[in-house]
Amino acid sequence: MRSYEELVADALDAPFRGWDFGWLEGRTRQADPSWSYEMRARALIVDATALLDVCTGGGEMLASLAPLPERCVATESWEPNIPVARGRLAPLGVEVRVPEGDELPAEDGEFDLVVNRHGAASESEIARVLRAGGTYLEQGVGARNLADLNQALGAPDGAYAERALLDTTAKALRSAGLEIVDGQEETPEHAIHDIGALVYFLKAVSWQVPGFDVDRYDTQLRAIDATIRRDGRVVFHDHRYLVEARKP
């Protein structure tokens, strides 16, 4: 394995575009939860006529679900991702809209399927844009996501909503008038195989360790690096939940 300094320097220099983590291939392994969001979404898309993808990122996941319904809209609010998403999704006939605040840029009852993988959404807005009989599918990043990583770094908690839990999300969806069809919650393993991969991840996912800086966390990063060199990897834990809901 190359030196700590070489691995960190490469990670800091590596580009990050859209929501593409291809640079980490072979250097990390995120265990999947017992469910497959992709399979669930694909099955629901078969019968959908109007689809909304909330917080599409660079459009990577939505594009992978093609063929898509004739009417398909995605939202994205992070400015660097907007042109990436439009470039990827326009050839598939997908319109990318930019929301302002918590309100979704959509008409009341515009969609019969709304999907949301790792995005933030107001449950009342989801209910508003769904048609009667429509379905909402969300895979959320939970409030305890990689909490053990932050502890290892001696860093503040990640910038996740404290209410990002299955129970609170399901309760909010019920309050908005939806019926819960299914709900699951797990903490799958997230293995890191070199310190450069961890630095790259924390650079890209800036809300995991707010204000992350390699100099500030030099001692802790070197301790993690030593563990990886000894054991071949270091393991932390993601926090994911899945909820499927229906509008009566």
C-alpha atoms as a PDB file:
ATOM      1  CA  MET A   1       0.000   0.000   0.000  1.00  0.00           C
ATOM      2  CA  ARG A   2       1.225   3.491  -0.818  1.00  0.00           C
ATOM      3  CA  SER A   3       2.049   5.931   1.946  1.00  0.00           C
ATOM      4  CA  TYR A   4      -0.574   7.819   3.932  1.00  0.00           C
ATOM      5  CA  GLU A   5       0.556  11.102   2.352  1.00  0.00           C
ATOM      6  CA  GLU A   6       0.296   9.752  -1.216  1.00  0.00           C
ATOM      7  CA  LEU A   7      -3.162   8.293  -0.682  1.00  0.00           C
ATOM      8  CA  VAL A   8      -4.516  11.464   0.903  1.00  0.00           C
ATOM      9  CA  ALA A   9      -2.994  13.721  -1.779  1.00  0.00           C
ATOM     10  CA  ASP A  10      -4.548  11.628  -4.558  1.00  0.00           C
ATOM     11  CA  ALA A  11      -7.944  11.746  -2.861  1.00  0.00           C
ATOM     12  CA  LEU A  12      -7.834  15.512  -2.484  1.00  0.00           C
ATOM     13  CA  ASP A  13      -6.871  15.944  -6.158  1.00  0.00           C
ATOM     14  CA  ALA A  14      -9.448  13.491  -7.538  1.00  0.00           C
ATOM     15  CA  PRO A  15     -12.433  15.118  -9.273  1.00  0.00           C
ATOM     16  CA  PHE A  16     -16.020  14.578  -8.156  1.00  0.00           C
ATOM     17  CA  ARG A  17     -18.896  15.251 -10.551  1.00  0.00           C
ATOM     18  CA  GLY A  18     -22.611  14.666 -10.232  1.00  0.00           C
ATOM     19  CA  TRP A  19     -23.191  11.843  -7.791  1.00  0.00           C
ATOM     20  CA  ASP A  20     -20.665   9.441  -9.297  1.00  0.00           C
ATOM     21  CA  PHE A  21     -18.508   7.515  -6.810  1.00  0.00           C
ATOM     22  CA  GLY A  22     -16.732   5.473  -9.474  1.00  0.00           C
ATOM     23  CA  TRP A  23     -13.343   6.619  -8.119  1.00  0.00           C
ATOM     24  CA  LEU A  24     -14.025   4.480  -5.039  1.00  0.00           C
ATOM     25  CA  GLU A  25     -14.587   1.250  -6.962  1.00  0.00           C
ATOM     26  CA  GLY A  26     -12.654  -1.548  -5.281  1.00  0.00           C
ATOM     27  CA  ARG A  27     -11.611   0.736  -2.438  1.00  0.00           C
ATOM     28  CA  THR A  28     -14.809   0.614  -0.369  1.00  0.00           C
ATOM     29  CA  ARG A  29     -17.641  -1.832   0.035  1.00  0.00           C
ATOM     30  CA  GLN A  30     -21.084  -0.748   1.162  1.00  0.00           C
ATOM     31  CA  ALA A  31     -23.206  -3.718   2.103  1.00  0.00           C
ATOM     32  CA  ASP A  32     -26.705  -3.491   0.683  1.00  0.00           C
ATOM     33  CA  PRO A  33     -29.691  -3.530   3.000  1.00  0.00           C
ATOM     34  CA  SER A  34     -31.867  -6.619   2.767  1.00  0.00           C
ATOM     35  CA  TRP A  35     -34.200  -4.844   0.344  1.00  0.00           C
ATOM     36  CA  SER A  36     -33.333  -3.498  -3.113  1.00  0.00           C
ATOM     37  CA  TYR A  37     -34.537   0.060  -3.699  1.00  0.00           C
ATOM     38  CA  GLU A  38     -33.757  -0.301  -7.386  1.00  0.00           C
ATOM     39  CA  MET A  39     -35.886  -3.440  -7.763  1.00  0.00           C
ATOM     40  CA  ARG A  40     -38.762  -1.896  -5.799  1.00  0.00           C
ATOM     41  CA  ALA A  41     -38.673   1.275  -7.886  1.00  0.00           C
ATOM     42  CA  ARG A  42     -38.424  -0.636 -11.147  1.00  0.00           C
ATOM     43  CA  ALA A  43     -41.456  -2.756 -10.263  1.00  0.00           C
ATOM     44  CA  LEU A  44     -43.522   0.335  -9.448  1.00  0.00           C
ATOM     45  CA  ILE A  45     -42.463   2.156 -12.628  1.00  0.00           C
ATOM     46  CA  VAL A  46     -44.002  -0.575 -14.799  1.00  0.00           C
ATOM     47  CA  ASP A  47     -47.523   0.654 -13.991  1.00  0.00           C
ATOM     48  CA  ALA A  48     -46.743   4.362 -13.560  1.00  0.00           C
ATOM     49  CA  THR A  49     -47.910   6.994 -16.048  1.00  0.00           C
ATOM     50  CA  ALA A  50     -46.370  10.073 -14.401  1.00  0.00           C
ATOM     51  CA  LEU A  51     -43.193   9.801 -12.307  1.00  0.00           C
ATOM     52  CA  LEU A  52     -41.404  12.288 -10.056  1.00  0.00           C
ATOM     53  CA  ASP A  53     -37.878  11.584  -8.795  1.00  0.00           C
ATOM     54  CA  VAL A  54     -37.071  13.782  -5.803  1.00  0.00           C
ATOM     55  CA  CYS A  55     -33.449  14.960  -5.338  1.00  0.00           C
ATOM     56  CA  THR A  56     -32.152  13.118  -8.386  1.00  0.00           C
ATOM     57  CA  GLY A  57     -28.498  14.099  -7.844  1.00  0.00           C
ATOM     58  CA  GLY A  58     -26.792  13.723 -11.206  1.00  0.00           C
ATOM     59  CA  GLY A  59     -29.672  11.559 -12.433  1.00  0.00           C
ATOM     60  CA  GLU A  60     -27.619   8.368 -12.126  1.00  0.00           C
ATOM     61  CA  MET A  61     -30.191   6.205 -10.365  1.00  0.00           C
ATOM     62  CA  LEU A  62     -33.168   7.473 -12.358  1.00  0.00           C
ATOM     63  CA  ALA A  63     -31.376   6.847 -15.656  1.00  0.00           C
ATOM     64  CA  SER A  64     -30.610   3.290 -14.558  1.00  0.00           C
ATOM     65  CA  LEU A  65     -34.351   2.642 -14.164  1.00  0.00           C
ATOM     66  CA  ALA A  66     -35.139   3.301 -17.850  1.00  0.00           C
ATOM     67  CA  PRO A  67     -37.409   2.750 -19.690  1.00  0.00           C
ATOM     68  CA  LEU A  68     -39.310   5.457 -17.836  1.00  0.00           C
ATOM     69  CA  PRO A  69     -42.930   6.630 -18.095  1.00  0.00           C
ATOM     70  CA  GLU A  70     -43.648   9.058 -20.915  1.00  0.00           C
ATOM     71  CA  ARG A  71     -44.198  11.794 -18.337  1.00  0.00           C
ATOM     72  CA  CYS A  72     -41.177  11.926 -16.054  1.00  0.00           C
ATOM     73  CA  VAL A  73     -39.850  14.798 -13.934  1.00  0.00           C
ATOM     74  CA  ALA A  74     -36.869  15.034 -11.592  1.00  0.00           C
ATOM     75  CA  THR A  75     -35.962  17.678  -9.042  1.00  0.00           C
ATOM     76  CA  GLU A  76     -32.480  18.780  -8.005  1.00  0.00           C
ATOM     77  CA  SER A  77     -31.486  21.797  -5.929  1.00  0.00           C
ATOM     78  CA  TRP A  78     -27.687  21.455  -5.608  1.00  0.00           C
ATOM     79  CA  GLU A  79     -26.375  23.764  -8.320  1.00  0.00           C
ATOM     80  CA  PRO A  80     -23.364  21.689  -9.487  1.00  0.00           C
ATOM     81  CA  ASN A  81     -25.649  18.701 -10.059  1.00  0.00           C
ATOM     82  CA  ILE A  82     -28.285  20.505 -12.125  1.00  0.00           C
ATOM     83  CA  PRO A  83     -26.428  20.597 -15.482  1.00  0.00           C
ATOM     84  CA  VAL A  84     -25.158  17.050 -14.912  1.00  0.00           C
ATOM     85  CA  ALA A  85     -28.691  15.782 -14.297  1.00  0.00           C
ATOM     86  CA  ARG A  86     -30.089  17.646 -17.290  1.00  0.00           C
ATOM     87  CA  GLY A  87     -27.348  16.358 -19.558  1.00  0.00           C
ATOM     88  CA  ARG A  88     -27.946  12.765 -18.486  1.00  0.00           C
ATOM     89  CA  LEU A  89     -31.748  12.826 -18.302  1.00  0.00           C
ATOM     90  CA  ALA A  90     -32.793  15.034 -21.236  1.00  0.00           C
ATOM     91  CA  PRO A  91     -32.112  12.247 -23.790  1.00  0.00           C
ATOM     92  CA  LEU A  92     -34.515  10.082 -21.759  1.00  0.00           C
ATOM     93  CA  GLY A  93     -37.247  12.709 -21.984  1.00  0.00           C
ATOM     94  CA  VAL A  94     -36.957  13.722 -18.340  1.00  0.00           C
ATOM     95  CA  GLU A  95     -37.550  17.333 -17.302  1.00  0.00           C
ATOM     96  CA  VAL A  96     -35.328  18.514 -14.431  1.00  0.00           C
ATOM     97  CA  ARG A  97     -36.976  21.157 -12.241  1.00  0.00           C
ATOM     98  CA  VAL A  98     -35.273  23.224  -9.539  1.00  0.00           C
ATOM     99  CA  PRO A  99     -37.272  23.591  -6.308  1.00  0.00           C
ATOM    100  CA  GLU A 100     -37.328  26.706  -4.163  1.00  0.00           C
ATOM    101  CA  GLY A 101     -37.412  25.899  -0.473  1.00  0.00           C
ATOM    102  CA  ASP A 102     -39.464  22.934   0.706  1.00  0.00           C
ATOM    103  CA  GLU A 103     -42.154  23.275  -1.952  1.00  0.00           C
ATOM    104  CA  LEU A 104     -41.933  20.776  -4.786  1.00  0.00           C
ATOM    105  CA  PRO A 105     -42.126  22.372  -8.262  1.00  0.00           C
ATOM    106  CA  ALA A 106     -45.189  20.376  -9.266  1.00  0.00           C
ATOM    107  CA  GLU A 107     -48.949  20.704  -9.556  1.00  0.00           C
ATOM    108  CA  ASP A 108     -51.388  19.155  -7.112  1.00  0.00           C
ATOM    109  CA  GLY A 109     -51.940  15.500  -8.029  1.00  0.00           C
ATOM    110  CA  GLU A 110     -49.507  15.658 -10.954  1.00  0.00           C
ATOM    111  CA  PHE A 111     -47.922  12.232 -10.385  1.00  0.00           C
ATOM    112  CA  ASP A 112     -49.031   8.688  -9.670  1.00  0.00           C
ATOM    113  CA  LEU A 113     -45.545   7.668  -8.492  1.00  0.00           C
ATOM    114  CA  VAL A 114     -42.982   9.630  -6.502  1.00  0.00           C
ATOM    115  CA  VAL A 115     -39.597   8.078  -5.721  1.00  0.00           C
ATOM    116  CA  ASN A 116     -36.912   9.445  -3.448  1.00  0.00           C
ATOM    117  CA  ARG A 117     -33.513   7.852  -2.873  1.00  0.00           C
ATOM    118  CA  HIS A 118     -31.514   9.651  -0.190  1.00  0.00           C
ATOM    119  CA  GLY A 119     -33.191  13.020  -0.674  1.00  0.00           C
ATOM    120  CA  ALA A 120     -35.020  15.391   1.651  1.00  0.00           C
ATOM    121  CA  ALA A 121     -38.726  15.906   1.089  1.00  0.00           C
ATOM    122  CA  SER A 122     -41.673  17.405   2.927  1.00  0.00           C
ATOM    123  CA  GLU A 123     -44.241  14.693   3.561  1.00  0.00           C
ATOM    124  CA  SER A 124     -47.081  17.181   3.074  1.00  0.00           C
ATOM    125  CA  GLU A 125     -45.607  18.115  -0.321  1.00  0.00           C
ATOM    126  CA  ILE A 126     -45.335  14.450  -1.305  1.00  0.00           C
ATOM    127  CA  ALA A 127     -49.011  13.996  -0.448  1.00  0.00           C
ATOM    128  CA  ARG A 128     -49.947  17.146  -2.379  1.00  0.00           C
ATOM    129  CA  VAL A 129     -48.310  16.139  -5.681  1.00  0.00           C
ATOM    130  CA  LEU A 130     -49.531  12.522  -5.555  1.00  0.00           C
ATOM    131  CA  ARG A 131     -52.763  11.527  -7.241  1.00  0.00           C
ATOM    132  CA  ALA A 132     -55.323   9.459  -5.373  1.00  0.00           C
ATOM    133  CA  GLY A 133     -54.139   5.872  -5.501  1.00  0.00           C
ATOM    134  CA  GLY A 134     -50.556   7.022  -6.122  1.00  0.00           C
ATOM    135  CA  THR A 135     -47.476   5.547  -4.473  1.00  0.00           C
ATOM    136  CA  TYR A 136     -44.473   7.059  -2.711  1.00  0.00           C
ATOM    137  CA  LEU A 137     -41.227   5.090  -2.330  1.00  0.00           C
ATOM    138  CA  GLU A 138     -38.395   6.458  -0.220  1.00  0.00           C
ATOM    139  CA  GLN A 139     -35.036   5.080   0.794  1.00  0.00           C
ATOM    140  CA  GLY A 140     -33.698   7.460   3.398  1.00  0.00           C
ATOM    141  CA  VAL A 141     -30.283   8.063   4.902  1.00  0.00           C
ATOM    142  CA  GLY A 142     -30.960   7.803   8.605  1.00  0.00           C
ATOM    143  CA  ALA A 143     -29.955  10.129  11.409  1.00  0.00           C
ATOM    144  CA  ARG A 144     -27.391   7.623  12.731  1.00  0.00           C
ATOM    145  CA  ASN A 145     -25.602   7.263   9.387  1.00  0.00           C
ATOM    146  CA  LEU A 146     -21.884   6.505   9.958  1.00  0.00           C
ATOM    147  CA  ALA A 147     -22.161   7.726  13.535  1.00  0.00           C
ATOM    148  CA  ASP A 148     -19.306   5.374  14.446  1.00  0.00           C
ATOM    149  CA  LEU A 149     -17.086   7.065  11.848  1.00  0.00           C
ATOM    150  CA  ASN A 150     -17.741  10.471  13.379  1.00  0.00           C
ATOM    151  CA  GLN A 151     -16.958   9.020  16.802  1.00  0.00           C
ATOM    152  CA  ALA A 152     -13.662   7.588  15.515  1.00  0.00           C
ATOM    153  CA  LEU A 153     -12.724  11.025  14.196  1.00  0.00           C
ATOM    154  CA  GLY A 154     -13.899  12.818  17.332  1.00  0.00           C
ATOM    155  CA  ALA A 155     -16.083  14.884  14.996  1.00  0.00           C
ATOM    156  CA  PRO A 156     -19.528  16.407  15.563  1.00  0.00           C
ATOM    157  CA  ASP A 157     -22.530  14.400  14.419  1.00  0.00           C
ATOM    158  CA  GLY A 158     -23.289  14.372  10.724  1.00  0.00           C
ATOM    159  CA  ALA A 159     -25.685  17.009   9.436  1.00  0.00           C
ATOM    160  CA  TYR A 160     -28.681  14.681   9.207  1.00  0.00           C
ATOM    161  CA  ALA A 161     -32.139  15.533  10.439  1.00  0.00           C
ATOM    162  CA  GLU A 162     -32.747  14.004  13.867  1.00  0.00           C
ATOM    163  CA  ARG A 163     -36.154  12.912  12.600  1.00  0.00           C
ATOM    164  CA  ALA A 164     -34.619  10.863   9.755  1.00  0.00           C
ATOM    165  CA  LEU A 165     -35.862   7.587  11.194  1.00  0.00           C
ATOM    166  CA  LEU A 166     -38.381   5.068   9.944  1.00  0.00           C
ATOM    167  CA  ASP A 167     -40.836   5.683  12.780  1.00  0.00           C
ATOM    168  CA  THR A 168     -40.838   9.459  12.472  1.00  0.00           C
ATOM    169  CA  THR A 169     -41.006   9.384   8.669  1.00  0.00           C
ATOM    170  CA  ALA A 170     -43.905   6.930   8.698  1.00  0.00           C
ATOM    171  CA  LYS A 171     -45.716   9.013  11.294  1.00  0.00           C
ATOM    172  CA  ALA A 172     -45.279  12.184   9.221  1.00  0.00           C
ATOM    173  CA  LEU A 173     -46.548  10.438   6.082  1.00  0.00           C
ATOM    174  CA  ARG A 174     -49.623   9.216   7.957  1.00  0.00           C
ATOM    175  CA  SER A 175     -50.233  12.738   9.251  1.00  0.00           C
ATOM    176  CA  ALA A 176     -50.087  13.940   5.646  1.00  0.00           C
ATOM    177  CA  GLY A 177     -52.852  11.489   4.747  1.00  0.00           C
ATOM    178  CA  LEU A 178     -50.888   8.568   3.299  1.00  0.00           C
ATOM    179  CA  GLU A 179     -51.170   4.905   4.210  1.00  0.00           C
ATOM    180  CA  ILE A 180     -47.984   2.954   4.993  1.00  0.00           C
ATOM    181  CA  VAL A 181     -47.602  -0.144   2.821  1.00  0.00           C
ATOM    182  CA  ASP A 182     -44.150  -1.230   4.012  1.00  0.00           C
ATOM    183  CA  GLY A 183     -41.341  -0.001   6.257  1.00  0.00           C
ATOM    184  CA  GLN A 184     -37.875  -1.373   7.027  1.00  0.00           C
ATOM    185  CA  GLU A 185     -34.750  -0.022   8.761  1.00  0.00           C
ATOM    186  CA  GLU A 186     -31.181  -1.389   8.941  1.00  0.00           C
ATOM    187  CA  THR A 187     -27.530  -0.437   9.581  1.00  0.00           C
ATOM    188  CA  PRO A 188     -25.470  -2.246   6.907  1.00  0.00           C
ATOM    189  CA  GLU A 189     -21.673  -2.342   7.006  1.00  0.00           C
ATOM    190  CA  HIS A 190     -19.584   0.250   5.186  1.00  0.00           C
ATOM    191  CA  ALA A 191     -16.005  -1.013   4.775  1.00  0.00           C
ATOM    192  CA  ILE A 192     -13.095   1.284   3.841  1.00  0.00           C
ATOM    193  CA  HIS A 193      -9.995  -0.338   2.324  1.00  0.00           C
ATOM    194  CA  ASP A 194      -7.628   2.629   2.183  1.00  0.00           C
ATOM    195  CA  ILE A 195      -7.434   6.034   3.827  1.00  0.00           C
ATOM    196  CA  GLY A 196      -7.599   7.817   0.478  1.00  0.00           C
ATOM    197  CA  ALA A 197     -11.056   6.355  -0.090  1.00  0.00           C
ATOM    198  CA  LEU A 198     -12.235   7.720   3.257  1.00  0.00           C
ATOM    199  CA  VAL A 199     -10.838  11.188   2.543  1.00  0.00           C
ATOM    200  CA  TYR A 200     -12.444  11.229  -0.905  1.00  0.00           C
ATOM    201  CA  PHE A 201     -15.785  10.183   0.567  1.00  0.00           C
ATOM    202  CA  LEU A 202     -15.683  12.871   3.256  1.00  0.00           C
ATOM    203  CA  LYS A 203     -14.703  15.484   0.676  1.00  0.00           C
ATOM    204  CA  ALA A 204     -17.703  14.557  -1.494  1.00  0.00           C
ATOM    205  CA  VAL A 205     -20.248  13.968   1.271  1.00  0.00           C
ATOM    206  CA  SER A 206     -19.468  17.209   3.065  1.00  0.00           C
ATOM    207  CA  TRP A 207     -22.370  16.940   5.513  1.00  0.00           C
ATOM    208  CA  GLN A 208     -21.060  13.745   7.123  1.00  0.00           C
ATOM    209  CA  VAL A 209     -18.286  15.640   8.910  1.00  0.00           C
ATOM    210  CA  PRO A 210     -19.134  19.342   8.586  1.00  0.00           C
ATOM    211  CA  GLY A 211     -16.004  21.393   8.014  1.00  0.00           C
ATOM    212  CA  PHE A 212     -13.896  18.301   7.307  1.00  0.00           C
ATOM    213  CA  ASP A 213     -10.208  19.081   6.842  1.00  0.00           C
ATOM    214  CA  VAL A 214      -7.373  16.557   6.662  1.00  0.00           C
ATOM    215  CA  ASP A 215      -5.073  18.713   8.779  1.00  0.00           C
ATOM    216  CA  ARG A 216      -7.665  19.151  11.504  1.00  0.00           C
ATOM    217  CA  TYR A 217      -8.239  15.389  11.696  1.00  0.00           C
ATOM    218  CA  ASP A 218      -4.668  14.318  10.941  1.00  0.00           C
ATOM    219  CA  THR A 219      -4.138  12.309  14.147  1.00  0.00           C
ATOM    220  CA  GLN A 220      -7.445  10.444  13.890  1.00  0.00           C
ATOM    221  CA  LEU A 221      -7.022   9.761  10.159  1.00  0.00           C
ATOM    222  CA  ARG A 222      -3.565   8.313  10.744  1.00  0.00           C
ATOM    223  CA  ALA A 223      -4.984   6.064  13.463  1.00  0.00           C
ATOM    224  CA  ILE A 224      -7.648   4.802  11.027  1.00  0.00           C
ATOM    225  CA  ASP A 225      -4.946   4.333   8.387  1.00  0.00           C
ATOM    226  CA  ALA A 226      -2.967   2.183  10.825  1.00  0.00           C
ATOM    227  CA  THR A 227      -6.033   0.008  11.436  1.00  0.00           C
ATOM    228  CA  ILE A 228      -6.540  -0.471   7.702  1.00  0.00           C
ATOM    229  CA  ARG A 229      -2.886  -1.429   7.194  1.00  0.00           C
ATOM    230  CA  ARG A 230      -3.147  -3.946  10.016  1.00  0.00           C
ATOM    231  CA  ASP A 231      -6.581  -5.453   9.258  1.00  0.00           C
ATOM    232  CA  GLY A 232      -7.008  -4.724   5.545  1.00  0.00           C
ATOM    233  CA  ARG A 233     -10.048  -2.564   6.165  1.00  0.00           C
ATOM    234  CA  VAL A 234     -11.969  -0.576   8.725  1.00  0.00           C
ATOM    235  CA  VAL A 235     -15.731  -1.032   9.108  1.00  0.00           C
ATOM    236  CA  PHE A 236     -18.337   1.583   9.963  1.00  0.00           C
ATOM    237  CA  HIS A 237     -22.133   1.416   9.593  1.00  0.00           C
ATOM    238  CA  ASP A 238     -24.598   3.166   7.327  1.00  0.00           C
ATOM    239  CA  HIS A 239     -28.160   3.834   8.451  1.00  0.00           C
ATOM    240  CA  ARG A 240     -30.908   3.239   5.899  1.00  0.00           C
ATOM    241  CA  TYR A 241     -34.684   2.995   6.003  1.00  0.00           C
ATOM    242  CA  LEU A 242     -37.241   2.136   3.350  1.00  0.00           C
ATOM    243  CA  VAL A 243     -40.839   3.244   3.375  1.00  0.00           C
ATOM    244  CA  GLU A 244     -43.558   2.696   0.786  1.00  0.00           C
ATOM    245  CA  ALA A 245     -46.789   4.639   1.163  1.00  0.00           C
ATOM    246  CA  ARG A 246     -50.006   5.037  -0.777  1.00  0.00           C
ATOM    247  CA  LYS A 247     -52.416   7.948  -1.125  1.00  0.00           C
ATOM    248  CA  PRO A 248     -55.992   6.702  -0.639  1.00  0.00           C
END
